[in-house]
C-alpha atoms as a PDB file:
ATOM      1  CA  MET A   1     -26.247  17.227  67.371  1.00  0.00           C
ATOM      2  CA  GLN A   2     -23.402  15.879  69.068  1.00  0.00           C
ATOM      3  CA  LEU A   3     -19.619  16.853  68.527  1.00  0.00           C
ATOM      4  CA  THR A   4     -16.691  15.568  69.831  1.00  0.00           C
ATOM      5  CA  LEU A   5     -13.615  18.217  71.175  1.00  0.00           C
ATOM      6  CA  ALA A   6     -10.153  17.620  72.216  1.00  0.00           C
ATOM      7  CA  SER A   7      -7.411  19.644  73.621  1.00  0.00           C
ATOM      8  CA  TYR A   8      -3.950  18.774  73.316  1.00  0.00           C
ATOM      9  CA  ASN A   9      -0.556  20.629  74.551  1.00  0.00           C
ATOM     10  CA  ILE A  10       1.730  19.030  71.741  1.00  0.00           C
ATOM     11  CA  HIS A  11       4.778  20.275  73.156  1.00  0.00           C
ATOM     12  CA  LYS A  12       6.109  21.265  69.803  1.00  0.00           C
ATOM     13  CA  ALA A  13       5.611  17.817  68.687  1.00  0.00           C
ATOM     14  CA  VAL A  14       8.595  16.814  70.701  1.00  0.00           C
ATOM     15  CA  GLY A  15       7.836  13.466  72.533  1.00  0.00           C
ATOM     16  CA  LEU A  16       9.322  11.741  75.611  1.00  0.00           C
ATOM     17  CA  ASP A  17      12.006  10.166  73.445  1.00  0.00           C
ATOM     18  CA  ARG A  18      13.201  13.573  72.584  1.00  0.00           C
ATOM     19  CA  ARG A  19      12.056  13.400  68.754  1.00  0.00           C
ATOM     20  CA  ARG A  20      10.203  15.722  66.982  1.00  0.00           C
ATOM     21  CA  ASP A  21       7.214  13.630  65.231  1.00  0.00           C
ATOM     22  CA  PRO A  22       4.432  15.373  63.427  1.00  0.00           C
ATOM     23  CA  ASP A  23       3.125  12.327  62.204  1.00  0.00           C
ATOM     24  CA  ARG A  24       2.874  11.001  65.836  1.00  0.00           C
ATOM     25  CA  ILE A  25       0.988  13.720  67.080  1.00  0.00           C
ATOM     26  CA  LEU A  26      -1.456  13.253  64.007  1.00  0.00           C
ATOM     27  CA  ALA A  27      -1.538   9.716  64.568  1.00  0.00           C
ATOM     28  CA  VAL A  28      -2.902  10.493  68.149  1.00  0.00           C
ATOM     29  CA  LEU A  29      -5.581  12.715  66.452  1.00  0.00           C
ATOM     30  CA  ASN A  30      -6.694  10.333  64.569  1.00  0.00           C
ATOM     31  CA  GLU A  31      -7.076   7.695  67.499  1.00  0.00           C
ATOM     32  CA  ILE A  32      -9.274  10.104  69.121  1.00  0.00           C
ATOM     33  CA  GLY A  33     -11.232  11.180  66.179  1.00  0.00           C
ATOM     34  CA  ALA A  34     -12.576  14.742  67.122  1.00  0.00           C
ATOM     35  CA  ASP A  35     -14.370  17.279  65.077  1.00  0.00           C
ATOM     36  CA  VAL A  36     -12.749  20.350  66.685  1.00  0.00           C
ATOM     37  CA  VAL A  37      -9.026  20.347  68.336  1.00  0.00           C
ATOM     38  CA  ALA A  38      -7.553  22.834  70.057  1.00  0.00           C
ATOM     39  CA  LEU A  39      -3.627  22.530  70.105  1.00  0.00           C
ATOM     40  CA  GLN A  40      -1.010  24.209  72.368  1.00  0.00           C
ATOM     41  CA  GLU A  41       2.664  24.848  71.402  1.00  0.00           C
ATOM     42  CA  ALA A  42       1.800  24.004  67.925  1.00  0.00           C
ATOM     43  CA  ASP A  43       4.616  26.593  66.515  1.00  0.00           C
ATOM     44  CA  ARG A  44       8.339  26.791  67.402  1.00  0.00           C
ATOM     45  CA  ARG A  45       9.297  28.985  69.964  1.00  0.00           C
ATOM     46  CA  TYR A  46      12.073  31.013  68.190  1.00  0.00           C
ATOM     47  CA  GLY A  47      12.777  32.762  64.927  1.00  0.00           C
ATOM     48  CA  ARG A  48       9.995  32.291  62.162  1.00  0.00           C
ATOM     49  CA  ARG A  49       7.921  30.611  64.770  1.00  0.00           C
ATOM     50  CA  MET A  50       7.171  27.736  61.990  1.00  0.00           C
ATOM     51  CA  SER A  51       4.400  25.518  62.499  1.00  0.00           C
ATOM     52  CA  VAL A  52       5.630  22.099  63.746  1.00  0.00           C
ATOM     53  CA  LEU A  53       2.862  20.355  61.748  1.00  0.00           C
ATOM     54  CA  PRO A  54       2.662  20.484  58.051  1.00  0.00           C
ATOM     55  CA  LEU A  55      -0.381  21.874  56.577  1.00  0.00           C
ATOM     56  CA  GLU A  56      -0.656  19.270  53.715  1.00  0.00           C
ATOM     57  CA  ALA A  57      -0.477  16.821  56.844  1.00  0.00           C
ATOM     58  CA  ILE A  58      -3.096  18.249  58.680  1.00  0.00           C
ATOM     59  CA  HIS A  59      -4.957  18.346  55.399  1.00  0.00           C
ATOM     60  CA  HIS A  60      -4.463  14.799  54.775  1.00  0.00           C
ATOM     61  CA  ALA A  61      -5.445  13.840  58.464  1.00  0.00           C
ATOM     62  CA  GLY A  62      -9.146  15.097  57.439  1.00  0.00           C
ATOM     63  CA  TYR A  63      -8.648  18.811  58.967  1.00  0.00           C
ATOM     64  CA  ARG A  64      -8.365  22.229  58.043  1.00  0.00           C
ATOM     65  CA  ALA A  65      -6.124  24.656  60.020  1.00  0.00           C
ATOM     66  CA  VAL A  66      -8.396  27.937  61.187  1.00  0.00           C
ATOM     67  CA  PRO A  67      -6.360  30.668  59.894  1.00  0.00           C
ATOM     68  CA  LEU A  68      -5.173  33.085  62.622  1.00  0.00           C
ATOM     69  CA  SER A  69      -1.506  33.350  62.410  1.00  0.00           C
ATOM     70  CA  MET A  70       0.258  36.652  61.907  1.00  0.00           C
ATOM     71  CA  LYS A  71       3.355  35.097  60.734  1.00  0.00           C
ATOM     72  CA  PRO A  72       3.267  33.462  57.226  1.00  0.00           C
ATOM     73  CA  ASP A  73       4.956  29.916  58.920  1.00  0.00           C
ATOM     74  CA  SER A  74       2.728  29.785  61.896  1.00  0.00           C
ATOM     75  CA  LEU A  75      -0.253  27.567  62.471  1.00  0.00           C
ATOM     76  CA  GLY A  76      -1.688  29.810  64.948  1.00  0.00           C
ATOM     77  CA  TRP A  77      -1.431  32.456  67.795  1.00  0.00           C
ATOM     78  CA  HIS A  78       1.048  32.286  70.354  1.00  0.00           C
ATOM     79  CA  GLY A  79       1.233  28.351  69.625  1.00  0.00           C
ATOM     80  CA  ASN A  80      -2.779  28.059  69.880  1.00  0.00           C
ATOM     81  CA  ALA A  81      -4.301  26.743  67.011  1.00  0.00           C
ATOM     82  CA  LEU A  82      -7.666  25.418  66.001  1.00  0.00           C
ATOM     83  CA  LEU A  83      -8.276  22.368  63.727  1.00  0.00           C
ATOM     84  CA  VAL A  84     -11.751  21.698  62.583  1.00  0.00           C
ATOM     85  CA  ARG A  85     -13.014  18.849  59.889  1.00  0.00           C
ATOM     86  CA  ARG A  86     -13.148  20.237  56.666  1.00  0.00           C
ATOM     87  CA  ASP A  87     -17.103  19.980  56.443  1.00  0.00           C
ATOM     88  CA  ILE A  88     -17.585  22.319  59.303  1.00  0.00           C
ATOM     89  CA  GLU A  89     -18.035  26.003  57.968  1.00  0.00           C
ATOM     90  CA  LEU A  90     -15.814  28.512  59.536  1.00  0.00           C
ATOM     91  CA  LEU A  91     -17.849  31.844  60.111  1.00  0.00           C
ATOM     92  CA  GLU A  92     -15.039  34.123  61.830  1.00  0.00           C
ATOM     93  CA  ALA A  93     -11.580  33.788  63.837  1.00  0.00           C
ATOM     94  CA  VAL A  94      -9.665  36.205  65.841  1.00  0.00           C
ATOM     95  CA  PRO A  95      -6.987  36.427  68.642  1.00  0.00           C
ATOM     96  CA  VAL A  96      -8.317  37.134  71.926  1.00  0.00           C
ATOM     97  CA  PRO A  97      -6.129  39.720  73.928  1.00  0.00           C
ATOM     98  CA  LEU A  98      -4.797  38.546  76.772  1.00  0.00           C
ATOM     99  CA  PRO A  99      -2.851  40.302  79.984  1.00  0.00           C
ATOM    100  CA  VAL A 100       0.122  38.657  79.776  1.00  0.00           C
ATOM    101  CA  LEU A 101       3.993  38.613  81.088  1.00  0.00           C
ATOM    102  CA  GLU A 102       4.868  35.210  79.180  1.00  0.00           C
ATOM    103  CA  PRO A 103       4.030  34.404  75.756  1.00  0.00           C
ATOM    104  CA  ARG A 104       0.690  33.133  76.172  1.00  0.00           C
ATOM    105  CA  GLY A 105      -2.433  33.512  74.038  1.00  0.00           C
ATOM    106  CA  ALA A 106      -6.456  32.391  73.096  1.00  0.00           C
ATOM    107  CA  ILE A 107      -8.013  32.166  70.020  1.00  0.00           C
ATOM    108  CA  ARG A 108     -11.636  32.312  69.174  1.00  0.00           C
ATOM    109  CA  ALA A 109     -13.427  30.724  66.188  1.00  0.00           C
ATOM    110  CA  ASP A 110     -17.108  30.837  65.782  1.00  0.00           C
ATOM    111  CA  LEU A 111     -18.202  27.658  63.376  1.00  0.00           C
ATOM    112  CA  ALA A 112     -21.327  26.632  61.587  1.00  0.00           C
ATOM    113  CA  VAL A 113     -22.443  23.224  62.222  1.00  0.00           C
ATOM    114  CA  ASP A 114     -25.466  22.134  60.500  1.00  0.00           C
ATOM    115  CA  GLY A 115     -26.472  25.743  60.230  1.00  0.00           C
ATOM    116  CA  GLN A 116     -25.940  26.349  63.939  1.00  0.00           C
ATOM    117  CA  ARG A 117     -23.127  28.432  65.131  1.00  0.00           C
ATOM    118  CA  LEU A 118     -20.820  27.430  67.598  1.00  0.00           C
ATOM    119  CA  ARG A 119     -18.096  29.486  69.502  1.00  0.00           C
ATOM    120  CA  VAL A 120     -15.020  27.558  70.364  1.00  0.00           C
ATOM    121  CA  VAL A 121     -12.017  29.217  72.279  1.00  0.00           C
ATOM    122  CA  GLY A 122      -8.553  27.483  72.688  1.00  0.00           C
ATOM    123  CA  MET A 123      -6.015  28.721  75.243  1.00  0.00           C
ATOM    124  CA  HIS A 124      -2.790  28.069  77.093  1.00  0.00           C
ATOM    125  CA  LEU A 125      -2.738  30.245  80.326  1.00  0.00           C
ATOM    126  CA  ASP A 126       0.001  31.782  82.486  1.00  0.00           C
ATOM    127  CA  LEU A 127       1.986  29.929  85.280  1.00  0.00           C
ATOM    128  CA  SER A 128       1.246  32.817  87.720  1.00  0.00           C
ATOM    129  CA  GLY A 129      -2.214  32.283  89.678  1.00  0.00           C
ATOM    130  CA  LEU A 130      -3.040  36.064  89.585  1.00  0.00           C
ATOM    131  CA  ARG A 131      -2.206  36.184  86.000  1.00  0.00           C
ATOM    132  CA  ARG A 132      -4.462  33.059  85.182  1.00  0.00           C
ATOM    133  CA  ARG A 133      -7.670  34.547  87.120  1.00  0.00           C
ATOM    134  CA  HIS A 134      -7.238  37.959  84.942  1.00  0.00           C
ATOM    135  CA  GLN A 135      -6.710  35.395  81.683  1.00  0.00           C
ATOM    136  CA  VAL A 136      -9.885  33.614  82.161  1.00  0.00           C
ATOM    137  CA  ARG A 137     -12.095  36.870  82.976  1.00  0.00           C
ATOM    138  CA  SER A 138     -10.745  38.280  79.562  1.00  0.00           C
ATOM    139  CA  VAL A 139     -11.603  35.289  77.981  1.00  0.00           C
ATOM    140  CA  ILE A 140     -15.112  35.186  79.369  1.00  0.00           C
ATOM    141  CA  ASP A 141     -15.521  39.019  78.533  1.00  0.00           C
ATOM    142  CA  HIS A 142     -14.504  38.462  75.143  1.00  0.00           C
ATOM    143  CA  ALA A 143     -16.874  35.650  74.425  1.00  0.00           C
ATOM    144  CA  LEU A 144     -19.990  37.568  76.253  1.00  0.00           C
ATOM    145  CA  ALA A 145     -18.860  40.522  74.223  1.00  0.00           C
ATOM    146  CA  CYS A 146     -19.663  39.063  70.932  1.00  0.00           C
ATOM    147  CA  ALA A 147     -22.416  40.454  68.539  1.00  0.00           C
ATOM    148  CA  GLU A 148     -24.077  36.866  67.733  1.00  0.00           C
ATOM    149  CA  PRO A 149     -24.740  34.605  70.724  1.00  0.00           C
ATOM    150  CA  ALA A 150     -23.635  30.909  70.184  1.00  0.00           C
ATOM    151  CA  PRO A 151     -23.157  27.757  72.369  1.00  0.00           C
ATOM    152  CA  THR A 152     -19.535  28.255  73.611  1.00  0.00           C
ATOM    153  CA  ILE A 153     -16.606  25.661  74.436  1.00  0.00           C
ATOM    154  CA  MET A 154     -13.866  26.865  75.853  1.00  0.00           C
ATOM    155  CA  MET A 155     -10.451  24.571  75.994  1.00  0.00           C
ATOM    156  CA  GLY A 156      -6.864  24.168  76.557  1.00  0.00           C
ATOM    157  CA  ASP A 157      -3.920  24.086  78.706  1.00  0.00           C
ATOM    158  CA  MET A 158      -4.979  26.109  82.069  1.00  0.00           C
ATOM    159  CA  ASN A 159      -1.968  25.346  83.912  1.00  0.00           C
ATOM    160  CA  GLU A 160      -3.847  25.185  87.038  1.00  0.00           C
ATOM    161  CA  TRP A 161      -3.131  22.557  89.462  1.00  0.00           C
ATOM    162  CA  ALA A 162      -6.302  23.527  91.934  1.00  0.00           C
ATOM    163  CA  VAL A 163      -8.930  20.926  91.322  1.00  0.00           C
ATOM    164  CA  LYS A 164     -11.745  23.291  91.594  1.00  0.00           C
ATOM    165  CA  GLY A 165     -10.356  26.685  93.098  1.00  0.00           C
ATOM    166  CA  GLY A 166      -7.667  29.344  91.340  1.00  0.00           C
ATOM    167  CA  CYS A 167      -8.789  30.611  87.764  1.00  0.00           C
ATOM    168  CA  PHE A 168     -12.070  28.234  87.766  1.00  0.00           C
ATOM    169  CA  ARG A 169     -13.650  30.974  90.252  1.00  0.00           C
ATOM    170  CA  GLU A 170     -14.045  33.222  87.317  1.00  0.00           C
ATOM    171  CA  PHE A 171     -16.735  30.713  85.802  1.00  0.00           C
ATOM    172  CA  ASP A 172     -20.065  31.430  87.141  1.00  0.00           C
ATOM    173  CA  GLY A 173     -23.373  29.257  87.011  1.00  0.00           C
ATOM    174  CA  ALA A 174     -23.272  29.854  83.307  1.00  0.00           C
ATOM    175  CA  TRP A 175     -20.561  27.662  82.783  1.00  0.00           C
ATOM    176  CA  THR A 176     -19.590  24.060  83.564  1.00  0.00           C
ATOM    177  CA  VAL A 177     -15.886  23.489  83.987  1.00  0.00           C
ATOM    178  CA  LEU A 178     -15.081  19.875  83.013  1.00  0.00           C
ATOM    179  CA  ALA A 179     -12.303  17.765  84.426  1.00  0.00           C
ATOM    180  CA  PRO A 180     -11.617  15.115  82.216  1.00  0.00           C
ATOM    181  CA  GLY A 181      -8.884  13.576  84.278  1.00  0.00           C
ATOM    182  CA  ARG A 182      -5.085  14.011  85.029  1.00  0.00           C
ATOM    183  CA  SER A 183      -3.267  14.663  82.057  1.00  0.00           C
ATOM    184  CA  PHE A 184       0.164  15.741  83.084  1.00  0.00           C
ATOM    185  CA  PRO A 185       2.851  14.576  82.742  1.00  0.00           C
ATOM    186  CA  SER A 186       1.829  12.168  80.170  1.00  0.00           C
ATOM    187  CA  ARG A 187       3.693   9.003  81.281  1.00  0.00           C
ATOM    188  CA  ARG A 188       2.248   9.164  84.873  1.00  0.00           C
ATOM    189  CA  PRO A 189      -0.268  11.988  85.006  1.00  0.00           C
ATOM    190  CA  VAL A 190      -1.059  13.369  88.447  1.00  0.00           C
ATOM    191  CA  ALA A 191      -2.424  16.740  87.632  1.00  0.00           C
ATOM    192  CA  ALA A 192      -5.549  17.785  85.904  1.00  0.00           C
ATOM    193  CA  LEU A 193      -3.952  20.824  83.904  1.00  0.00           C
ATOM    194  CA  ASP A 194      -5.942  20.381  80.564  1.00  0.00           C
ATOM    195  CA  ARG A 195      -9.745  21.355  80.765  1.00  0.00           C
ATOM    196  CA  ILE A 196     -12.871  22.084  78.635  1.00  0.00           C
ATOM    197  CA  ILE A 197     -15.449  24.132  79.896  1.00  0.00           C
ATOM    198  CA  VAL A 198     -18.962  24.697  78.214  1.00  0.00           C
ATOM    199  CA  SER A 199     -21.550  27.070  78.392  1.00  0.00           C
ATOM    200  CA  ARG A 200     -25.266  26.577  79.657  1.00  0.00           C
ATOM    201  CA  GLY A 201     -27.319  24.358  77.575  1.00  0.00           C
ATOM    202  CA  CYS A 202     -24.498  22.229  76.266  1.00  0.00           C
ATOM    203  CA  GLN A 203     -25.004  18.325  77.228  1.00  0.00           C
ATOM    204  CA  VAL A 204     -22.041  16.355  78.050  1.00  0.00           C
ATOM    205  CA  VAL A 205     -22.314  13.107  77.004  1.00  0.00           C
ATOM    206  CA  ARG A 206     -18.891  11.840  78.079  1.00  0.00           C
ATOM    207  CA  CYS A 207     -15.345  13.201  78.669  1.00  0.00           C
ATOM    208  CA  GLY A 208     -12.223  12.065  79.435  1.00  0.00           C
ATOM    209  CA  VAL A 209      -8.482  11.490  79.024  1.00  0.00           C
ATOM    210  CA  HIS A 210      -7.017   9.735  75.906  1.00  0.00           C
ATOM    211  CA  HIS A 211      -4.292   7.443  77.044  1.00  0.00           C
ATOM    212  CA  SER A 212      -2.746   5.512  74.255  1.00  0.00           C
ATOM    213  CA  ALA A 213       0.860   3.851  73.821  1.00  0.00           C
ATOM    214  CA  LEU A 214       1.385   6.765  71.101  1.00  0.00           C
ATOM    215  CA  ALA A 215      -0.383   9.814  73.220  1.00  0.00           C
ATOM    216  CA  ALA A 216       2.201   8.497  76.247  1.00  0.00           C
ATOM    217  CA  ARG A 217       5.111   9.035  74.187  1.00  0.00           C
ATOM    218  CA  GLY A 218       4.217  12.077  71.969  1.00  0.00           C
ATOM    219  CA  SER A 219       4.405  14.905  74.352  1.00  0.00           C
ATOM    220  CA  ASP A 220       4.303  15.775  77.970  1.00  0.00           C
ATOM    221  CA  HIS A 221       0.383  16.168  77.897  1.00  0.00           C
ATOM    222  CA  LEU A 222      -1.917  13.928  77.272  1.00  0.00           C
ATOM    223  CA  PRO A 223      -5.065  15.106  75.249  1.00  0.00           C
ATOM    224  CA  VAL A 224      -8.424  15.776  76.578  1.00  0.00           C
ATOM    225  CA  PHE A 225     -11.738  15.109  75.122  1.00  0.00           C
ATOM    226  CA  ALA A 226     -15.409  15.584  75.344  1.00  0.00           C
ATOM    227  CA  CYS A 227     -18.333  14.749  73.452  1.00  0.00           C
ATOM    228  CA  ILE A 228     -20.978  17.580  73.721  1.00  0.00           C
ATOM    229  CA  GLU A 229     -24.382  17.673  72.777  1.00  0.00           C
ATOM    230  CA  LEU A 230     -25.177  21.251  71.319  1.00  0.00           C
ATOM    231  CA  PRO A 231     -28.698  22.795  72.392  1.00  0.00           C
ATOM    232  CA  LYS A 232     -31.354  23.158  69.781  1.00  0.00           C
ATOM    233  CA  ASN A 233     -31.874  26.248  67.866  1.00  0.00           C
END
């Protein structure tokens, strides 16, 4: 069983041309064709924290948004959102508590794919190195404390410039930290800030950075993706 997962910091849908263009973001997602997408900066920062992607447009793109928001006009939690293909069943979805100084967050959804439970966590971590490590520890502890065991995939904008150190030290041998490639800044990427982490048993078929003409303009980050083969029940 293979799934493609992607993570994309969409910068509130404001591209390098300084235009807010939700259709462009959705076109980039269509290029990737992922089954599950973790978005960061999916809501406006102030006021009603409105989603920058209309729900109807998300539906027309073949996805549904995992319901996580505590605000009626928002898409996710502290800008984090999860989109899943409409044929994937949602079992559970909750915000993940993080120690924060900045408006950061993480979210977790348990999905059923062909009858198998899959746990997905999307996150956007702090600029502070020490705070990032505490946040990663909190996410790991949350995932391990879930009542039902499941293959787990974490992804998001880690804000970690280190290649192997930093907050990635919190992941032990039960996890594989993927480095799909340099994703920031989008026009000339120099840093691999966007990462995907998989639990033991998940086989990585391929991973990479999606670099297209649209993606190079759509946000200050490029999306990253991984094709994962899930372990058999």
